[in-house]
C-alpha atoms as a PDB file:
ATOM      1  CA  UNK A   1     -14.398  24.805  10.233  1.00  0.00           C
ATOM      2  CA  UNK A   2     -15.874  27.595   7.333  1.00  0.00           C
ATOM      3  CA  UNK A   3     -18.700  27.096   6.391  1.00  0.00           C
ATOM      4  CA  UNK A   4     -20.062  29.353   3.524  1.00  0.00           C
ATOM      5  CA  UNK A   5     -23.381  30.604   1.540  1.00  0.00           C
ATOM      6  CA  UNK A   6     -23.481  31.169  -1.718  1.00  0.00           C
ATOM      7  CA  UNK A   7     -25.807  34.081  -2.678  1.00  0.00           C
ATOM      8  CA  UNK A   8     -26.083  34.902  -5.709  1.00  0.00           C
ATOM      9  CA  UNK A   9     -29.356  37.090  -5.658  1.00  0.00           C
ATOM     10  CA  UNK A  10     -27.810  39.006  -2.550  1.00  0.00           C
ATOM     11  CA  UNK A  11     -24.813  39.647  -4.379  1.00  0.00           C
ATOM     12  CA  UNK A  12     -26.716  41.630  -7.292  1.00  0.00           C
ATOM     13  CA  UNK A  13     -28.021  43.871  -4.409  1.00  0.00           C
ATOM     14  CA  UNK A  14     -25.668  47.033  -3.957  1.00  0.00           C
ATOM     15  CA  UNK A  15     -28.229  49.317  -2.785  1.00  0.00           C
ATOM     16  CA  UNK A  16     -31.744  49.931  -1.022  1.00  0.00           C
ATOM     17  CA  UNK A  17     -33.275  51.055  -4.243  1.00  0.00           C
ATOM     18  CA  UNK A  18     -31.717  47.750  -6.275  1.00  0.00           C
ATOM     19  CA  UNK A  19     -33.715  45.530  -3.278  1.00  0.00           C
ATOM     20  CA  UNK A  20     -37.014  47.664  -4.317  1.00  0.00           C
ATOM     21  CA  UNK A  21     -37.392  47.014  -7.814  1.00  0.00           C
ATOM     22  CA  UNK A  22     -36.847  43.078  -7.264  1.00  0.00           C
ATOM     23  CA  UNK A  23     -40.146  41.582  -7.788  1.00  0.00           C
ATOM     24  CA  UNK A  24     -41.695  40.862  -4.807  1.00  0.00           C
ATOM     25  CA  UNK A  25     -41.824  37.135  -5.570  1.00  0.00           C
ATOM     26  CA  UNK A  26     -37.621  37.149  -5.149  1.00  0.00           C
ATOM     27  CA  UNK A  27     -37.953  39.106  -1.478  1.00  0.00           C
ATOM     28  CA  UNK A  28     -38.129  35.052   0.528  1.00  0.00           C
ATOM     29  CA  UNK A  29     -34.869  34.212  -1.693  1.00  0.00           C
ATOM     30  CA  UNK A  30     -33.118  36.947  -0.711  1.00  0.00           C
ATOM     31  CA  UNK A  31     -34.288  36.608   2.629  1.00  0.00           C
ATOM     32  CA  UNK A  32     -33.032  33.175   3.348  1.00  0.00           C
ATOM     33  CA  UNK A  33     -29.511  33.920   1.965  1.00  0.00           C
ATOM     34  CA  UNK A  34     -29.308  37.239   4.491  1.00  0.00           C
ATOM     35  CA  UNK A  35     -29.969  34.581   7.138  1.00  0.00           C
ATOM     36  CA  UNK A  36     -28.120  32.512   5.896  1.00  0.00           C
ATOM     37  CA  UNK A  37     -24.876  35.321   5.711  1.00  0.00           C
ATOM     38  CA  UNK A  38     -25.629  36.395   8.581  1.00  0.00           C
ATOM     39  CA  UNK A  39     -25.373  32.689  10.266  1.00  0.00           C
ATOM     40  CA  UNK A  40     -21.928  32.189   8.689  1.00  0.00           C
ATOM     41  CA  UNK A  41     -20.338  35.369   9.737  1.00  0.00           C
ATOM     42  CA  UNK A  42     -21.837  35.828  13.440  1.00  0.00           C
ATOM     43  CA  UNK A  43     -20.698  31.463  13.636  1.00  0.00           C
ATOM     44  CA  UNK A  44     -16.878  32.506  13.102  1.00  0.00           C
ATOM     45  CA  UNK A  45     -16.917  35.790  14.540  1.00  0.00           C
ATOM     46  CA  UNK A  46     -18.970  34.648  18.190  1.00  0.00           C
ATOM     47  CA  UNK A  47     -22.191  37.439  18.738  1.00  0.00           C
ATOM     48  CA  UNK A  48     -22.702  39.397  21.671  1.00  0.00           C
END
């Protein structure tokens, strides 16, 4: 079963500068999206 998450904010970040330009209050949202994306990817491909 594949579970995909929407990552609208993460999808707008193309490079480190784009991440630095985000206001601090948006960083939690980026972290949440990145966490969900990582868990989804590892769940499909396996870990170690």
